[in-house]
Amino acid sequence: MAIMSESIGFVRGTKGDSVAFFLNKEVNLSFGQIVRIDSGERSFYARVVNAESSSTLDIIEQLREAEGREAYGPYSAYRSVEAILFLEKRAAKARSPTFNPNYKDRVYSTSEEDCSVLNLSGELELGRLLSGEQLLGSAGISVEAIPLMMGMFGMTGSGKTNTELVLNAQIIDRSPETVTILFDFAGQLLDGKGMKPQKGLKDHALFHSKVRYYSAKDKKMAVGLHTITPEKLGTLFADTQPPQRRLAWALYRKLGKQWIESSLETYRAEGNVAVRAHKSVVEVLMQKLSSLPHDLFPASGYTFVDSITQNVCQGITCLIDISGLRSDDQTRIVCL
């Protein structure tokens, strides 16, 4: 059953998931606003991304008219809007668009009924859905969606960090039903982003009981060399080759948990290691192991990975601040 409302324009053309439509006079839209396009048995929902205003006069005629040098007979002034399709509804089923609307299909502003069709509400509430200045309802993510892959995309300043802070606060509120491991590449989640009094996760009422914070700055982020077995070489160094892995296992069987530091010490003193191997293989493996920074990979049997695992199992969210680390070290920490 079609949703009844007043048309705000009609489609002038489509290409792929992009739709252009003429906007009726006296109708106001906003960038980012959602519109509905009815096309036969289907309804399409699209997000406004661009707009232009012009007339059917050519450039020379427009300039002459604007300067008052010449008046022209009847012509049309128009406003054209561009929108990107993101949802298609047929009967009671909503899904990603499988096609696009036709020329002259009618365009409508969204209503509360459209909001229920879009099914944007969820237990983890992110905010409110606006259509122009009209409040349509809440927008959020269901708990069941958390294990699935999601993406958040936008230009600088579009609100990605703030949205992430709100989402993470909701996850913390629902602990232990929801729990997460957060990797903060920019160092903005703990204290918030921008000028004060911006709030971060440390301002959450449950931060001290439901969140654990790890950072290399306070020495709480460390992976002891004694916890690294040869099978983790591929995790630390993606380009590890079979000869290097075989050498690592030989060293591990001979030297035990201290195989990394003992091998490096022998190599620096004598130019070789405790087992026989091709010189080039030894050099490559030792070069990789010596690149591990001592502050992140000390000679110990402690690893913060175990602490994270235990906390997550108890419903405690873990915030891991990896800002300031080299990109290679960030990758290693995240992969481990």
Protein backbone atom coordinates (compact mmCIF):
# COMPACT_ATOMS: atom_id res chain seq x y z
CA MET A 1 0.00 0.00 0.00
CA ALA A 2 1.45 3.34 -1.07
CA ILE A 3 2.22 6.01 1.51
CA MET A 4 0.09 9.08 0.83
CA SER A 5 1.74 12.51 0.88
CA GLU A 6 2.14 15.54 -1.37
CA SER A 7 4.65 15.30 -4.18
CA ILE A 8 7.67 17.64 -4.02
CA GLY A 9 8.93 16.99 -7.56
CA PHE A 10 9.49 14.43 -10.31
CA VAL A 11 12.43 12.45 -11.66
CA ARG A 12 14.29 14.06 -14.58
CA GLY A 13 16.80 11.24 -15.06
CA THR A 14 18.65 8.33 -13.43
CA LYS A 15 22.06 6.73 -13.84
CA GLY A 16 23.08 3.79 -11.69
CA ASP A 17 22.19 4.61 -8.08
CA SER A 18 22.11 8.37 -8.80
CA VAL A 19 18.76 10.12 -9.27
CA ALA A 20 18.16 13.68 -10.45
CA PHE A 21 14.77 15.30 -9.96
CA PHE A 22 13.13 18.67 -10.49
CA LEU A 23 11.98 20.30 -7.26
CA ASN A 24 8.62 22.06 -7.08
CA LYS A 25 8.60 25.78 -6.30
CA GLU A 26 8.35 26.82 -2.64
CA VAL A 27 9.67 23.41 -1.50
CA ASN A 28 12.72 23.40 0.79
CA LEU A 29 15.12 20.49 1.15
CA SER A 30 18.37 19.99 3.03
CA PHE A 31 21.59 18.20 2.11
CA GLY A 32 21.47 14.73 3.61
CA GLN A 33 17.66 14.67 3.73
CA ILE A 34 15.93 11.41 2.79
CA VAL A 35 13.29 11.39 0.04
CA ARG A 36 11.01 8.67 -1.29
CA ILE A 37 10.42 7.97 -4.99
CA ASP A 38 7.38 5.89 -5.93
CA SER A 39 7.89 3.87 -9.11
CA GLY A 40 5.11 1.40 -9.95
CA GLU A 41 5.03 -1.36 -7.33
CA ARG A 42 8.32 -0.18 -5.81
CA SER A 43 9.34 2.70 -3.61
CA PHE A 44 12.94 3.92 -3.55
CA TYR A 45 14.59 5.86 -0.76
CA ALA A 46 17.45 8.22 -1.55
CA ARG A 47 19.68 10.73 0.25
CA VAL A 48 20.03 14.27 -1.11
CA VAL A 49 23.67 15.00 -2.00
CA ASN A 50 23.60 17.94 -4.44
CA ALA A 51 21.39 20.65 -5.93
CA GLU A 52 21.55 23.26 -8.67
CA SER A 53 19.40 26.17 -9.78
CA SER A 54 19.21 27.43 -13.36
CA SER A 55 16.88 28.34 -16.21
CA THR A 56 16.23 27.30 -19.78
CA LEU A 57 17.99 30.45 -21.03
CA ASP A 58 21.54 30.05 -22.26
CA ILE A 59 24.45 31.78 -20.48
CA ILE A 60 24.53 34.86 -22.75
CA GLU A 61 20.80 35.42 -22.29
CA GLN A 62 21.04 34.98 -18.53
CA LEU A 63 23.81 37.60 -18.32
CA ARG A 64 21.90 40.11 -20.46
CA GLU A 65 18.77 39.65 -18.39
CA ALA A 66 20.69 39.92 -15.09
CA GLU A 67 22.27 43.21 -16.29
CA GLY A 68 18.88 44.54 -17.36
CA ARG A 69 19.99 45.00 -20.96
CA GLU A 70 17.33 42.75 -22.47
CA ALA A 71 14.05 41.11 -21.50
CA TYR A 72 13.04 37.69 -22.74
CA GLY A 73 9.75 36.01 -23.34
CA PRO A 74 8.45 33.00 -21.40
CA TYR A 75 11.16 30.70 -20.03
CA SER A 76 11.45 28.24 -17.14
CA ALA A 77 13.57 28.61 -14.01
CA TYR A 78 14.13 25.40 -12.14
CA ARG A 79 15.95 23.74 -9.26
CA SER A 80 17.38 20.28 -9.87
CA VAL A 81 18.35 17.97 -7.00
CA GLU A 82 20.65 14.95 -7.01
CA ALA A 83 20.17 12.04 -4.61
CA ILE A 84 21.76 8.61 -4.08
CA LEU A 85 19.56 5.53 -3.77
CA PHE A 86 20.15 3.36 -0.70
CA LEU A 87 16.94 1.33 -0.21
CA GLU A 88 14.19 -0.26 -2.27
CA LYS A 89 10.82 -1.39 -0.93
CA ARG A 90 8.43 -3.75 -2.68
CA ALA A 91 5.36 -4.96 -0.81
CA ALA A 92 6.54 -5.50 2.77
CA LYS A 93 10.16 -6.27 1.87
CA ALA A 94 12.95 -3.69 2.02
CA ARG A 95 16.39 -4.33 0.53
CA SER A 96 19.30 -2.70 -1.28
CA PRO A 97 18.25 -1.20 -4.63
CA THR A 98 18.00 -3.69 -7.49
CA PHE A 99 17.13 -1.03 -10.09
CA ASN A 100 16.31 2.67 -10.28
CA PRO A 101 13.21 4.85 -10.83
CA ASN A 102 11.77 5.98 -14.18
CA TYR A 103 11.56 9.41 -15.75
CA LYS A 104 8.64 11.47 -14.29
CA ASP A 105 8.24 9.21 -11.24
CA ARG A 106 7.01 11.32 -8.34
CA VAL A 107 9.28 12.31 -5.43
CA TYR A 108 8.02 12.77 -1.86
CA SER A 109 9.49 13.96 1.42
CA THR A 110 9.63 11.22 4.03
CA SER A 111 7.10 10.86 6.85
CA GLU A 112 6.78 8.95 10.12
CA GLU A 113 5.33 6.05 8.14
CA ASP A 114 8.47 6.00 5.98
CA CYS A 115 10.54 5.94 9.16
CA SER A 116 8.81 2.72 10.21
CA VAL A 117 9.45 1.26 6.74
CA LEU A 118 13.14 2.14 6.93
CA ASN A 119 13.30 0.35 10.30
CA LEU A 120 16.12 2.59 11.52
CA SER A 121 15.45 2.19 15.23
CA GLY A 122 17.41 -0.19 17.45
CA GLU A 123 18.33 -0.91 21.06
CA LEU A 124 21.61 1.00 20.61
CA GLU A 125 20.22 4.46 19.93
CA LEU A 126 22.46 6.84 17.97
CA GLY A 127 20.19 9.85 17.52
CA ARG A 128 17.05 11.15 15.82
CA LEU A 129 16.04 11.04 12.17
CA LEU A 130 15.11 14.42 10.73
CA SER A 131 13.37 15.18 7.45
CA GLY A 132 14.07 18.86 6.96
CA GLU A 133 12.97 20.25 10.32
CA GLN A 134 10.49 17.44 11.04
CA LEU A 135 11.45 14.86 13.67
CA LEU A 136 10.52 11.39 12.38
CA GLY A 137 11.81 9.08 15.10
CA SER A 138 14.88 7.48 16.64
CA ALA A 139 17.76 5.94 14.70
CA GLY A 140 19.97 3.17 16.03
CA ILE A 141 21.47 -0.28 15.64
CA SER A 142 20.05 -3.54 16.90
CA VAL A 143 22.13 -5.64 19.26
CA GLU A 144 21.97 -8.53 16.79
CA ALA A 145 23.77 -6.36 14.20
CA ILE A 146 26.89 -5.89 16.34
CA PRO A 147 28.70 -9.09 15.20
CA LEU A 148 28.11 -8.16 11.55
CA MET A 149 30.33 -5.93 9.43
CA MET A 150 29.39 -2.26 9.48
CA GLY A 151 31.03 0.85 8.04
CA MET A 152 30.82 4.53 8.86
CA PHE A 153 31.87 6.91 6.08
CA GLY A 154 31.93 10.68 5.85
CA MET A 155 34.04 13.72 5.13
CA THR A 156 36.16 15.41 7.80
CA GLY A 157 33.87 17.12 10.28
CA SER A 158 30.77 15.12 9.33
CA GLY A 159 30.44 13.59 12.81
CA LYS A 160 32.03 10.12 12.59
CA THR A 161 33.91 10.38 15.90
CA ASN A 162 30.90 11.77 17.78
CA THR A 163 28.71 9.00 16.37
CA GLU A 164 31.27 6.42 17.44
CA LEU A 165 31.37 7.89 20.95
CA VAL A 166 27.58 7.69 21.21
CA LEU A 167 27.54 4.09 19.91
CA ASN A 168 30.28 3.00 22.30
CA ALA A 169 28.50 4.67 25.21
CA GLN A 170 25.37 2.69 24.35
CA ILE A 171 27.40 -0.54 24.21
CA ILE A 172 28.85 0.20 27.66
CA ASP A 173 25.34 0.94 29.02
CA ARG A 174 24.12 -2.52 27.96
CA SER A 175 27.07 -4.48 29.35
CA PRO A 176 27.42 -7.46 29.64
CA GLU A 177 24.92 -8.03 26.81
CA THR A 178 27.15 -5.96 24.55
CA VAL A 179 30.91 -5.58 24.77
CA THR A 180 33.60 -4.41 22.38
CA ILE A 181 37.32 -3.99 21.76
CA LEU A 182 38.06 -0.45 20.57
CA PHE A 183 41.23 0.46 18.72
CA ASP A 184 41.77 4.21 18.86
CA PHE A 185 44.15 5.18 16.05
CA ALA A 186 43.77 8.94 16.57
CA GLY A 187 43.64 9.18 20.38
CA GLN A 188 40.20 10.84 20.38
CA LEU A 189 37.92 8.38 22.18
CA LEU A 190 39.14 8.71 25.77
CA ASP A 191 38.96 12.51 26.13
CA GLY A 192 36.83 13.37 23.12
CA LYS A 193 37.66 15.35 20.01
CA GLY A 194 37.99 19.06 19.52
CA MET A 195 37.71 21.95 21.92
CA LYS A 196 36.56 21.53 25.50
CA PRO A 197 34.10 20.84 27.06
CA GLN A 198 33.95 17.92 24.59
CA LYS A 199 33.34 14.68 26.47
CA GLY A 200 34.94 11.31 25.82
CA LEU A 201 34.41 7.78 27.09
CA LYS A 202 36.24 8.61 30.35
CA ASP A 203 33.25 10.81 31.22
CA HIS A 204 30.84 7.87 31.02
CA ALA A 205 29.30 7.05 34.41
CA LEU A 206 30.34 3.37 34.09
CA PHE A 207 33.83 4.00 32.71
CA HIS A 208 35.74 2.88 35.80
CA SER A 209 33.68 -0.30 36.26
CA LYS A 210 32.86 -1.33 32.68
CA VAL A 211 35.85 -0.08 30.65
CA ARG A 212 39.56 -0.88 30.72
CA TYR A 213 41.97 1.54 29.07
CA TYR A 214 45.28 0.40 27.53
CA SER A 215 47.95 2.73 26.20
CA ALA A 216 51.66 2.56 25.46
CA LYS A 217 51.94 5.95 27.16
CA ASP A 218 51.17 4.52 30.61
CA LYS A 219 53.06 1.24 30.03
CA LYS A 220 49.84 -0.84 30.17
CA MET A 221 50.25 -2.01 26.59
CA ALA A 222 53.00 -4.60 26.30
CA VAL A 223 53.52 -7.97 24.61
CA GLY A 224 56.35 -9.88 26.28
CA LEU A 225 58.82 -11.58 23.97
CA HIS A 226 58.44 -14.77 26.03
CA THR A 227 54.78 -14.99 24.91
CA ILE A 228 55.64 -14.89 21.20
CA THR A 229 55.93 -18.33 19.65
CA PRO A 230 57.06 -18.94 16.05
CA GLU A 231 53.47 -19.50 14.98
CA LYS A 232 52.82 -15.79 15.68
CA LEU A 233 55.52 -14.63 13.25
CA GLY A 234 52.99 -14.45 10.42
CA THR A 235 50.81 -12.22 12.60
CA LEU A 236 53.67 -9.85 13.41
CA PHE A 237 55.29 -9.90 9.97
CA ALA A 238 53.02 -10.58 7.03
CA ASP A 239 55.93 -11.27 4.68
CA THR A 240 57.43 -14.11 6.75
CA GLN A 241 58.60 -16.90 4.44
CA PRO A 242 58.74 -20.69 5.15
CA PRO A 243 62.57 -20.78 5.60
CA GLN A 244 62.30 -18.08 8.28
CA ARG A 245 59.51 -19.97 10.04
CA ARG A 246 61.54 -23.20 10.02
CA LEU A 247 64.51 -21.37 11.54
CA ALA A 248 62.27 -19.80 14.19
CA TRP A 249 60.90 -23.20 15.22
CA ALA A 250 64.43 -24.64 15.41
CA LEU A 251 65.49 -21.77 17.68
CA TYR A 252 62.36 -22.15 19.80
CA ARG A 253 62.95 -25.89 20.33
CA LYS A 254 66.57 -25.27 21.32
CA LEU A 255 66.24 -22.07 23.40
CA GLY A 256 62.64 -22.21 24.70
CA LYS A 257 60.59 -19.11 25.53
CA GLN A 258 63.67 -16.87 25.46
CA TRP A 259 64.42 -17.76 21.84
CA ILE A 260 64.03 -14.20 20.53
CA GLU A 261 66.26 -12.34 22.98
CA SER A 262 68.85 -15.15 23.14
CA SER A 263 69.07 -15.37 19.35
CA LEU A 264 69.42 -11.62 18.97
CA GLU A 265 72.12 -11.49 21.65
CA THR A 266 74.12 -14.28 20.00
CA TYR A 267 73.68 -12.78 16.53
CA ARG A 268 74.89 -9.34 17.62
CA ALA A 269 77.91 -10.83 19.40
CA GLU A 270 78.94 -13.57 16.97
CA GLY A 271 77.10 -12.89 13.70
CA ASN A 272 75.23 -16.22 13.83
CA VAL A 273 72.62 -18.05 15.93
CA ALA A 274 72.48 -21.23 18.01
CA VAL A 275 71.41 -23.48 15.12
CA ARG A 276 72.79 -24.01 11.63
CA ALA A 277 70.96 -22.10 8.89
CA HIS A 278 71.59 -20.25 5.67
CA LYS A 279 73.15 -16.86 6.33
CA SER A 280 70.56 -14.91 4.34
CA VAL A 281 67.69 -16.59 6.23
CA VAL A 282 69.31 -15.76 9.57
CA GLU A 283 69.85 -12.13 8.54
CA VAL A 284 66.26 -11.62 7.43
CA LEU A 285 64.76 -13.22 10.56
CA MET A 286 67.07 -11.32 12.92
CA GLN A 287 66.29 -8.08 11.13
CA LYS A 288 62.56 -8.67 11.65
CA LEU A 289 62.91 -9.56 15.34
CA SER A 290 65.22 -6.62 16.08
CA SER A 291 62.63 -4.22 14.64
CA LEU A 292 60.25 -4.95 17.53
CA PRO A 293 60.44 -1.88 19.85
CA HIS A 294 61.51 -2.67 23.42
CA ASP A 295 58.75 -0.59 25.05
CA LEU A 296 55.99 -2.57 23.29
CA PHE A 297 57.81 -5.91 23.23
CA PRO A 298 59.87 -6.18 26.44
CA ALA A 299 61.76 -9.30 27.55
CA SER A 300 59.02 -10.62 29.83
CA GLY A 301 56.26 -13.21 30.09
CA TYR A 302 53.41 -10.68 30.34
CA THR A 303 51.06 -9.83 27.49
CA PHE A 304 48.17 -7.40 27.72
CA VAL A 305 46.31 -9.56 25.18
CA ASP A 306 45.48 -12.01 27.99
CA SER A 307 44.09 -9.16 30.10
CA ILE A 308 41.88 -8.02 27.22
CA THR A 309 40.56 -11.54 26.66
CA GLN A 310 39.64 -11.91 30.33
CA ASN A 311 37.92 -8.52 30.48
CA VAL A 312 35.88 -9.06 27.32
CA CYS A 313 34.72 -12.44 28.65
CA GLN A 314 33.45 -10.60 31.75
CA GLY A 315 31.51 -8.03 29.69
CA ILE A 316 34.07 -5.25 30.11
CA THR A 317 34.82 -3.08 27.07
CA CYS A 318 38.51 -2.56 26.27
CA LEU A 319 39.75 0.74 24.82
CA ILE A 320 43.18 0.35 23.22
CA ASP A 321 44.88 3.66 22.38
CA ILE A 322 47.44 3.01 19.63
CA SER A 323 47.82 6.64 18.59
CA GLY A 324 51.41 7.80 18.33
CA LEU A 325 52.72 4.36 17.40
CA ARG A 326 54.38 3.66 14.07
CA SER A 327 51.95 2.28 11.51
CA ASP A 328 53.79 -1.07 11.50
CA ASP A 329 53.46 -1.35 15.29
CA GLN A 330 49.77 -0.37 15.13
CA THR A 331 49.18 -3.21 12.68
CA ARG A 332 51.05 -5.67 14.90
CA ILE A 333 49.09 -4.74 18.02
CA VAL A 334 45.73 -4.93 16.23
CA CYS A 335 46.54 -8.29 14.60
CA LEU A 336 47.74 -9.81 17.88
